[in-house]
């Protein structure tokens, strides 16, 4: 259990973090594109707009749509996410270079379709990224730009920006916001139609995984089989989810989108703290599973990134902040270029159906591999190679 000393130290930490600069504000600096490289990130948000045109932590019943342009600094290193707030430096930091509001969903679909037209026909996928706890809208846009740049994900990127309070003190508020934000994410997923052949890959981090699972659950209760028919893949990174709750959600999403990938790390200190604060210190979260046997009956694939946690900038987001993991994912994606697109729905992020996690045979035998083992053993492969 948490000792008094640890609780006190944790409180001092979050009080210090909470006193930092206004993280919801990031000025629009078009001149940044004279230095950096432009990356378009579309945003769908249920945050309340502020007077300066940005979006804060308050909840809105309206769904706002935006087209953002992020400037990626010229000397960006994989896994790094450097950005400023009131006075960003485009030479070394991610900068918001453009912010344009779209009037309705048809406009978003039109702009996404135009963005996809710059890619070859077999690379016109749409990645929807759902952020986690303690996130502001600019930070989420920067993270999505960083991740898609570092892995080299072709196609369009959309962030679903739900009303996180953007402070370490806002864990309970964010948990309620996840429930509030379900209908907005459902609206996006059901109405995202940039073209008949474009795959939608749904990626979530941390508490955003709870939002994704709750949304897919409510969609499939209304329209059985919708998720499997309309999503090319689901990827949960460091999911802050109770395993029993996840299991109950999966029962409603039947069949689930395929592949369905969960990225975990047993050295995720944020999830270790989460389980203790919830009074479940003897039972891990989905994102820090100690054993794959805990989910061996589920039709998912588990990628273990534990061995890279110590060298990642964030132990709670190894997939986005470990140069080694990013290199493996990027190389694996490039190696999949010759695969048949219809047989490899997630080849833009993780190629082929991973031989990781649950075997879909009747025996449902769990196969547990680390990320490096999977790559070295040619686990990143297509069934129809």
Protein backbone atom coordinates (compact mmCIF):
# COMPACT_ATOMS: atom_id res chain seq x y z
CA UNK A 1 0.00 0.00 0.00
CA UNK A 2 1.04 3.64 -0.39
CA UNK A 3 2.99 4.96 2.57
CA UNK A 4 2.36 8.42 4.01
CA UNK A 5 5.75 9.56 2.71
CA UNK A 6 4.98 8.42 -0.83
CA UNK A 7 1.57 10.08 -0.81
CA UNK A 8 3.16 13.32 0.44
CA UNK A 9 5.85 13.19 -2.24
CA UNK A 10 3.25 12.52 -4.93
CA UNK A 11 1.15 15.48 -3.75
CA UNK A 12 4.18 17.78 -3.89
CA UNK A 13 4.91 16.56 -7.42
CA UNK A 14 1.45 17.19 -8.80
CA UNK A 15 1.17 20.53 -7.01
CA UNK A 16 4.40 21.59 -8.68
CA UNK A 17 3.22 20.42 -12.09
CA UNK A 18 -0.14 22.08 -11.65
CA UNK A 19 1.62 25.41 -11.17
CA UNK A 20 3.23 25.38 -14.63
CA UNK A 21 2.31 27.59 -17.58
CA UNK A 22 -1.10 27.53 -19.25
CA UNK A 23 -0.78 24.37 -21.31
CA UNK A 24 -4.03 24.92 -23.22
CA UNK A 25 -2.59 27.97 -25.03
CA UNK A 26 -0.37 27.63 -28.06
CA UNK A 27 -0.11 30.62 -30.42
CA UNK A 28 -0.56 30.22 -34.16
CA UNK A 29 2.74 31.06 -35.87
CA UNK A 30 2.45 30.68 -39.69
CA UNK A 31 6.08 31.79 -40.09
CA UNK A 32 7.18 28.55 -38.41
CA UNK A 33 6.71 26.78 -41.75
CA UNK A 34 9.64 28.76 -43.13
CA UNK A 35 11.77 26.64 -40.80
CA UNK A 36 9.86 23.44 -40.05
CA UNK A 37 7.99 20.83 -42.07
CA UNK A 38 4.20 21.06 -42.27
CA UNK A 39 2.06 18.22 -40.95
CA UNK A 40 -1.73 18.40 -41.25
CA UNK A 41 -3.66 17.14 -38.24
CA UNK A 42 -7.45 17.25 -38.24
CA UNK A 43 -9.19 17.68 -34.89
CA UNK A 44 -12.66 16.76 -33.65
CA UNK A 45 -13.35 18.03 -30.15
CA UNK A 46 -16.01 18.23 -27.47
CA UNK A 47 -14.01 20.88 -25.58
CA UNK A 48 -15.48 24.34 -24.98
CA UNK A 49 -13.88 26.98 -27.26
CA UNK A 50 -12.08 29.89 -25.60
CA UNK A 51 -12.15 33.55 -26.63
CA UNK A 52 -8.69 33.31 -28.22
CA UNK A 53 -9.80 30.54 -30.59
CA UNK A 54 -8.17 27.71 -28.66
CA UNK A 55 -9.94 25.03 -26.62
CA UNK A 56 -9.79 24.47 -22.89
CA UNK A 57 -10.88 21.75 -20.43
CA UNK A 58 -14.58 22.60 -20.17
CA UNK A 59 -17.11 20.24 -21.75
CA UNK A 60 -19.24 21.23 -24.72
CA UNK A 61 -22.39 19.61 -26.06
CA UNK A 62 -21.29 20.70 -29.54
CA UNK A 63 -18.73 18.89 -31.65
CA UNK A 64 -16.22 21.27 -33.24
CA UNK A 65 -14.12 20.35 -36.27
CA UNK A 66 -10.75 21.84 -37.16
CA UNK A 67 -7.87 21.57 -39.59
CA UNK A 68 -4.56 22.19 -37.84
CA UNK A 69 -1.11 22.64 -39.35
CA UNK A 70 1.79 21.62 -37.13
CA UNK A 71 5.35 22.66 -37.88
CA UNK A 72 7.79 19.81 -37.18
CA UNK A 73 11.23 21.22 -36.23
CA UNK A 74 14.06 20.57 -38.73
CA UNK A 75 16.29 18.70 -36.27
CA UNK A 76 13.55 16.58 -34.71
CA UNK A 77 14.78 13.31 -33.22
CA UNK A 78 12.45 10.25 -33.07
CA UNK A 79 10.75 9.94 -29.72
CA UNK A 80 11.24 13.61 -28.78
CA UNK A 81 8.30 15.98 -28.36
CA UNK A 82 9.66 19.45 -27.63
CA UNK A 83 7.23 22.36 -27.73
CA UNK A 84 6.78 25.75 -26.13
CA UNK A 85 3.67 27.50 -24.92
CA UNK A 86 3.49 31.28 -25.21
CA UNK A 87 6.77 31.71 -27.14
CA UNK A 88 7.68 28.58 -29.14
CA UNK A 89 10.90 28.24 -31.14
CA UNK A 90 10.25 26.63 -34.58
CA UNK A 91 13.94 25.76 -34.91
CA UNK A 92 13.75 23.25 -32.07
CA UNK A 93 10.08 22.85 -31.11
CA UNK A 94 6.77 21.70 -32.54
CA UNK A 95 4.71 24.80 -33.32
CA UNK A 96 1.07 25.39 -34.25
CA UNK A 97 1.37 27.04 -37.66
CA UNK A 98 -2.27 27.04 -38.73
CA UNK A 99 -5.70 26.64 -37.21
CA UNK A 100 -8.85 26.59 -39.37
CA UNK A 101 -12.36 25.75 -38.19
CA UNK A 102 -14.52 23.55 -40.43
CA UNK A 103 -18.29 24.17 -40.50
CA UNK A 104 -19.61 20.60 -40.62
CA UNK A 105 -18.73 16.93 -41.06
CA UNK A 106 -19.06 17.06 -44.85
CA UNK A 107 -16.35 19.72 -44.87
CA UNK A 108 -14.08 17.52 -42.76
CA UNK A 109 -14.61 14.55 -45.07
CA UNK A 110 -13.85 16.74 -48.09
CA UNK A 111 -10.63 18.06 -46.57
CA UNK A 112 -9.52 14.59 -45.44
CA UNK A 113 -10.19 13.23 -48.93
CA UNK A 114 -8.06 16.03 -50.40
CA UNK A 115 -5.29 15.26 -47.91
CA UNK A 116 -5.41 11.56 -48.81
CA UNK A 117 -5.21 12.32 -52.52
CA UNK A 118 -1.53 13.19 -52.08
CA UNK A 119 -0.79 9.54 -51.22
CA UNK A 120 -0.78 6.45 -53.46
CA UNK A 121 -4.16 4.64 -53.53
CA UNK A 122 -2.91 1.84 -51.26
CA UNK A 123 -1.74 4.29 -48.59
CA UNK A 124 -4.90 6.32 -48.06
CA UNK A 125 -5.71 5.22 -44.54
CA UNK A 126 -7.08 7.43 -41.78
CA UNK A 127 -5.62 7.19 -38.27
CA UNK A 128 -7.88 8.45 -35.47
CA UNK A 129 -5.86 9.17 -32.32
CA UNK A 130 -7.55 9.42 -28.90
CA UNK A 131 -5.35 10.96 -26.21
CA UNK A 132 -5.13 10.04 -22.54
CA UNK A 133 -5.26 11.69 -19.12
CA UNK A 134 -3.74 15.12 -18.43
CA UNK A 135 -3.69 16.29 -22.06
CA UNK A 136 -4.42 19.62 -23.70
CA UNK A 137 -5.55 20.03 -27.28
CA UNK A 138 -2.26 21.52 -28.60
CA UNK A 139 -0.22 18.80 -26.90
CA UNK A 140 -2.41 16.12 -28.48
CA UNK A 141 -1.97 17.62 -31.94
CA UNK A 142 1.81 17.80 -31.43
CA UNK A 143 1.92 14.19 -30.19
CA UNK A 144 -0.09 12.94 -33.17
CA UNK A 145 2.22 14.80 -35.56
CA UNK A 146 5.29 13.43 -33.79
CA UNK A 147 4.05 9.84 -33.79
CA UNK A 148 2.95 9.82 -37.43
CA UNK A 149 6.23 11.48 -38.47
CA UNK A 150 8.46 9.10 -36.51
CA UNK A 151 6.77 5.92 -37.69
CA UNK A 152 6.16 7.30 -41.17
CA UNK A 153 2.42 6.62 -41.16
CA UNK A 154 0.98 7.61 -44.56
CA UNK A 155 -2.53 8.92 -44.95
CA UNK A 156 -4.47 11.35 -42.75
CA UNK A 157 -4.36 11.86 -39.00
CA UNK A 158 -7.35 12.93 -36.91
CA UNK A 159 -7.27 13.59 -33.18
CA UNK A 160 -10.38 13.20 -31.07
CA UNK A 161 -9.79 15.81 -28.37
CA UNK A 162 -12.00 15.07 -25.39
CA UNK A 163 -12.19 17.55 -22.46
CA UNK A 164 -9.28 16.51 -20.28
CA UNK A 165 -8.53 19.06 -17.57
CA UNK A 166 -4.87 19.06 -18.60
CA UNK A 167 -3.53 18.86 -15.05
CA UNK A 168 -2.23 16.02 -12.87
CA UNK A 169 -4.88 17.01 -10.32
CA UNK A 170 -7.66 16.27 -12.80
CA UNK A 171 -7.70 12.47 -12.77
CA UNK A 172 -11.28 12.22 -11.46
CA UNK A 173 -12.50 14.99 -13.78
CA UNK A 174 -10.91 13.25 -16.74
CA UNK A 175 -12.53 9.96 -15.76
CA UNK A 176 -15.95 11.63 -15.90
CA UNK A 177 -15.05 13.38 -19.15
CA UNK A 178 -14.36 10.02 -20.75
CA UNK A 179 -17.99 9.07 -20.18
CA UNK A 180 -19.16 12.48 -21.37
CA UNK A 181 -17.13 12.19 -24.58
CA UNK A 182 -18.50 8.86 -25.82
CA UNK A 183 -21.24 10.33 -28.01
CA UNK A 184 -18.83 12.73 -29.71
CA UNK A 185 -16.46 9.92 -30.64
CA UNK A 186 -19.36 7.83 -31.90
CA UNK A 187 -20.47 10.78 -34.05
CA UNK A 188 -16.98 11.03 -35.56
CA UNK A 189 -16.59 7.32 -36.26
CA UNK A 190 -20.04 6.87 -37.77
CA UNK A 191 -19.76 9.93 -40.03
CA UNK A 192 -16.11 9.71 -41.08
CA UNK A 193 -16.45 8.85 -44.77
CA UNK A 194 -13.67 10.41 -46.84
CA UNK A 195 -13.86 7.63 -49.43
CA UNK A 196 -15.22 4.10 -49.92
CA UNK A 197 -11.84 2.33 -49.80
CA UNK A 198 -10.18 4.21 -46.94
CA UNK A 199 -9.47 2.21 -43.80
CA UNK A 200 -9.92 3.78 -40.39
CA UNK A 201 -7.36 2.78 -37.76
CA UNK A 202 -8.35 3.71 -34.20
CA UNK A 203 -5.42 4.36 -31.84
CA UNK A 204 -5.79 5.27 -28.15
CA UNK A 205 -3.42 6.04 -25.31
CA UNK A 206 -3.89 5.52 -21.56
CA UNK A 207 -7.32 6.71 -20.34
CA UNK A 208 -8.30 7.27 -23.96
CA UNK A 209 -8.49 3.49 -24.24
CA UNK A 210 -11.40 3.52 -21.80
CA UNK A 211 -13.14 6.06 -24.03
CA UNK A 212 -12.54 3.95 -27.13
CA UNK A 213 -13.79 0.76 -25.51
CA UNK A 214 -16.90 2.41 -24.07
CA UNK A 215 -17.70 4.00 -27.43
CA UNK A 216 -17.25 0.81 -29.44
CA UNK A 217 -19.35 -1.03 -26.86
CA UNK A 218 -22.25 1.40 -27.20
CA UNK A 219 -21.99 1.41 -31.00
CA UNK A 220 -22.09 -2.38 -31.21
CA UNK A 221 -25.01 -2.60 -28.79
CA UNK A 222 -26.96 -0.33 -31.18
CA UNK A 223 -25.55 -1.82 -34.38
CA UNK A 224 -24.11 -5.32 -33.83
CA UNK A 225 -20.97 -5.93 -35.87
CA UNK A 226 -20.46 -2.27 -36.78
CA UNK A 227 -16.94 -2.00 -35.34
CA UNK A 228 -15.64 -5.06 -37.13
CA UNK A 229 -17.17 -3.96 -40.43
CA UNK A 230 -16.02 -0.33 -40.33
CA UNK A 231 -12.65 -0.26 -38.55
CA UNK A 232 -9.45 -1.60 -40.07
CA UNK A 233 -7.78 -2.02 -36.69
CA UNK A 234 -7.71 -0.90 -33.06
CA UNK A 235 -4.49 -0.19 -31.15
CA UNK A 236 -4.53 0.48 -27.39
CA UNK A 237 -1.24 1.92 -26.07
CA UNK A 238 -0.61 1.68 -22.32
CA UNK A 239 -4.37 1.33 -21.66
CA UNK A 240 -5.46 2.58 -18.22
CA UNK A 241 -8.21 -0.02 -18.01
CA UNK A 242 -9.29 -2.57 -15.45
CA UNK A 243 -8.83 -6.02 -16.97
CA UNK A 244 -12.25 -7.25 -15.84
CA UNK A 245 -13.92 -4.15 -17.28
CA UNK A 246 -12.02 -4.63 -20.54
CA UNK A 247 -13.15 -8.24 -20.69
CA UNK A 248 -16.80 -7.22 -20.25
CA UNK A 249 -16.44 -4.57 -22.96
CA UNK A 250 -14.94 -7.08 -25.38
CA UNK A 251 -17.92 -9.37 -24.90
CA UNK A 252 -20.13 -6.66 -26.41
CA UNK A 253 -17.79 -5.94 -29.32
CA UNK A 254 -18.24 -9.27 -31.03
CA UNK A 255 -16.53 -9.79 -33.34
CA UNK A 256 -13.93 -7.09 -32.63
CA UNK A 257 -12.01 -5.26 -35.36
CA UNK A 258 -9.03 -7.27 -36.55
CA UNK A 259 -6.28 -6.89 -35.67
CA UNK A 260 -6.93 -5.67 -32.15
CA UNK A 261 -3.59 -4.79 -30.55
CA UNK A 262 -2.74 -3.94 -26.95
CA UNK A 263 0.71 -2.49 -26.17
CA UNK A 264 1.85 -3.07 -22.58
CA UNK A 265 4.79 -2.48 -20.25
CA UNK A 266 5.31 -3.93 -16.80
CA UNK A 267 7.44 -0.88 -15.94
CA UNK A 268 4.65 1.64 -16.44
CA UNK A 269 4.81 3.62 -13.19
CA UNK A 270 1.78 5.73 -14.04
CA UNK A 271 -0.39 2.62 -14.29
CA UNK A 272 1.24 1.19 -11.18
CA UNK A 273 0.17 4.34 -9.33
CA UNK A 274 -3.30 4.21 -10.91
CA UNK A 275 -3.98 0.73 -9.60
CA UNK A 276 -2.84 1.72 -6.11
CA UNK A 277 -4.95 4.86 -6.02
CA UNK A 278 -7.93 2.75 -7.06
CA UNK A 279 -7.28 0.31 -4.22
CA UNK A 280 -6.39 -2.49 -6.65
CA UNK A 281 -2.64 -2.68 -6.04
CA UNK A 282 -2.77 -6.47 -6.20
CA UNK A 283 -4.41 -6.43 -9.64
CA UNK A 284 -2.68 -4.72 -12.56
CA UNK A 285 -4.21 -2.55 -15.25
CA UNK A 286 -4.51 -3.80 -18.81
CA UNK A 287 -1.48 -1.71 -19.82
CA UNK A 288 0.89 -3.30 -17.30
CA UNK A 289 -0.17 -6.93 -17.50
CA UNK A 290 2.16 -9.24 -15.63
CA UNK A 291 1.05 -12.28 -17.62
CA UNK A 292 -0.67 -12.71 -20.96
CA UNK A 293 -2.70 -15.53 -19.42
CA UNK A 294 -4.90 -12.86 -17.84
CA UNK A 295 -6.36 -12.12 -21.29
CA UNK A 296 -5.55 -15.36 -23.10
CA UNK A 297 -9.21 -16.07 -23.89
CA UNK A 298 -9.66 -12.75 -25.72
CA UNK A 299 -9.17 -12.29 -29.49
CA UNK A 300 -6.41 -9.71 -29.13
CA UNK A 301 -2.69 -9.45 -29.81
CA UNK A 302 -0.42 -8.14 -27.05
CA UNK A 303 2.86 -6.36 -27.74
CA UNK A 304 5.21 -6.19 -24.74
CA UNK A 305 7.46 -3.11 -24.71
CA UNK A 306 8.82 -3.59 -21.16
CA UNK A 307 12.45 -3.97 -22.20
CA UNK A 308 12.43 -0.51 -23.79
CA UNK A 309 10.83 1.35 -20.86
CA UNK A 310 14.10 2.41 -19.24
CA UNK A 311 15.33 4.20 -22.35
CA UNK A 312 12.00 5.79 -23.34
CA UNK A 313 11.34 9.44 -22.56
CA UNK A 314 8.04 8.36 -21.03
CA UNK A 315 7.53 5.00 -19.37
CA UNK A 316 3.80 5.55 -19.82
CA UNK A 317 4.11 6.03 -23.59
CA UNK A 318 6.96 3.76 -24.65
CA UNK A 319 5.53 3.28 -28.14
CA UNK A 320 5.82 7.01 -28.86
CA UNK A 321 8.96 7.96 -26.91
CA UNK A 322 11.40 5.06 -27.33
CA UNK A 323 13.64 5.58 -30.38
CA UNK A 324 14.24 1.81 -30.52
CA UNK A 325 10.53 0.96 -30.58
CA UNK A 326 9.83 3.68 -33.14
CA UNK A 327 12.64 2.36 -35.31
CA UNK A 328 11.25 -1.18 -35.16
CA UNK A 329 7.73 -0.03 -35.97
CA UNK A 330 8.95 2.16 -38.82
CA UNK A 331 11.11 -0.61 -40.30
CA UNK A 332 8.29 -3.11 -39.95
CA UNK A 333 5.86 -0.78 -41.68
CA UNK A 334 8.26 -0.24 -44.57
CA UNK A 335 8.88 -3.99 -44.86
CA UNK A 336 5.16 -4.51 -45.33
CA UNK A 337 5.00 -2.33 -48.45
CA UNK A 338 4.88 -5.38 -50.74
CA UNK A 339 2.03 -7.03 -48.83
CA UNK A 340 -1.47 -7.15 -50.22
CA UNK A 341 -3.32 -4.23 -48.62
CA UNK A 342 -6.60 -6.07 -48.09
CA UNK A 343 -4.83 -8.89 -46.28
CA UNK A 344 -2.90 -6.53 -44.00
CA UNK A 345 -5.28 -3.94 -42.53
CA UNK A 346 -2.76 -2.49 -40.07
CA UNK A 347 0.31 -2.53 -42.28
CA UNK A 348 0.62 1.26 -41.99
CA UNK A 349 1.32 0.93 -38.26
CA UNK A 350 2.15 -2.69 -37.49
CA UNK A 351 2.34 -4.86 -40.61
CA UNK A 352 0.29 -7.98 -40.96
CA UNK A 353 -1.46 -9.97 -38.30
CA UNK A 354 0.90 -10.22 -35.39
CA UNK A 355 1.82 -13.62 -34.08
CA UNK A 356 1.52 -12.13 -30.62
CA UNK A 357 -1.16 -12.58 -27.98
CA UNK A 358 -4.09 -14.84 -28.55
CA UNK A 359 -4.09 -17.57 -31.14
CA UNK A 360 -7.43 -17.52 -32.96
CA UNK A 361 -7.56 -21.32 -33.22
CA UNK A 362 -9.94 -23.34 -31.08
CA UNK A 363 -7.18 -23.98 -28.56
CA UNK A 364 -6.76 -20.20 -27.98
CA UNK A 365 -3.23 -20.76 -26.80
CA UNK A 366 -1.48 -17.60 -25.67
CA UNK A 367 1.78 -16.72 -27.42
CA UNK A 368 3.84 -14.18 -25.52
CA UNK A 369 6.65 -12.33 -27.31
CA UNK A 370 8.43 -9.09 -26.69
CA UNK A 371 8.46 -6.54 -29.50
CA UNK A 372 12.07 -7.28 -30.45
CA UNK A 373 11.48 -11.04 -30.37
CA UNK A 374 8.45 -10.65 -32.61
CA UNK A 375 10.44 -8.64 -35.14
CA UNK A 376 13.48 -10.92 -35.10
CA UNK A 377 11.28 -14.02 -35.43
CA UNK A 378 9.43 -12.50 -38.40
CA UNK A 379 6.23 -12.21 -36.41
CA UNK A 380 5.42 -9.03 -38.33
CA UNK A 381 4.13 -10.82 -41.37
CA UNK A 382 1.11 -11.17 -43.55
CA UNK A 383 -0.88 -14.38 -43.57
CA UNK A 384 -0.85 -14.21 -47.36
CA UNK A 385 2.78 -13.31 -47.78
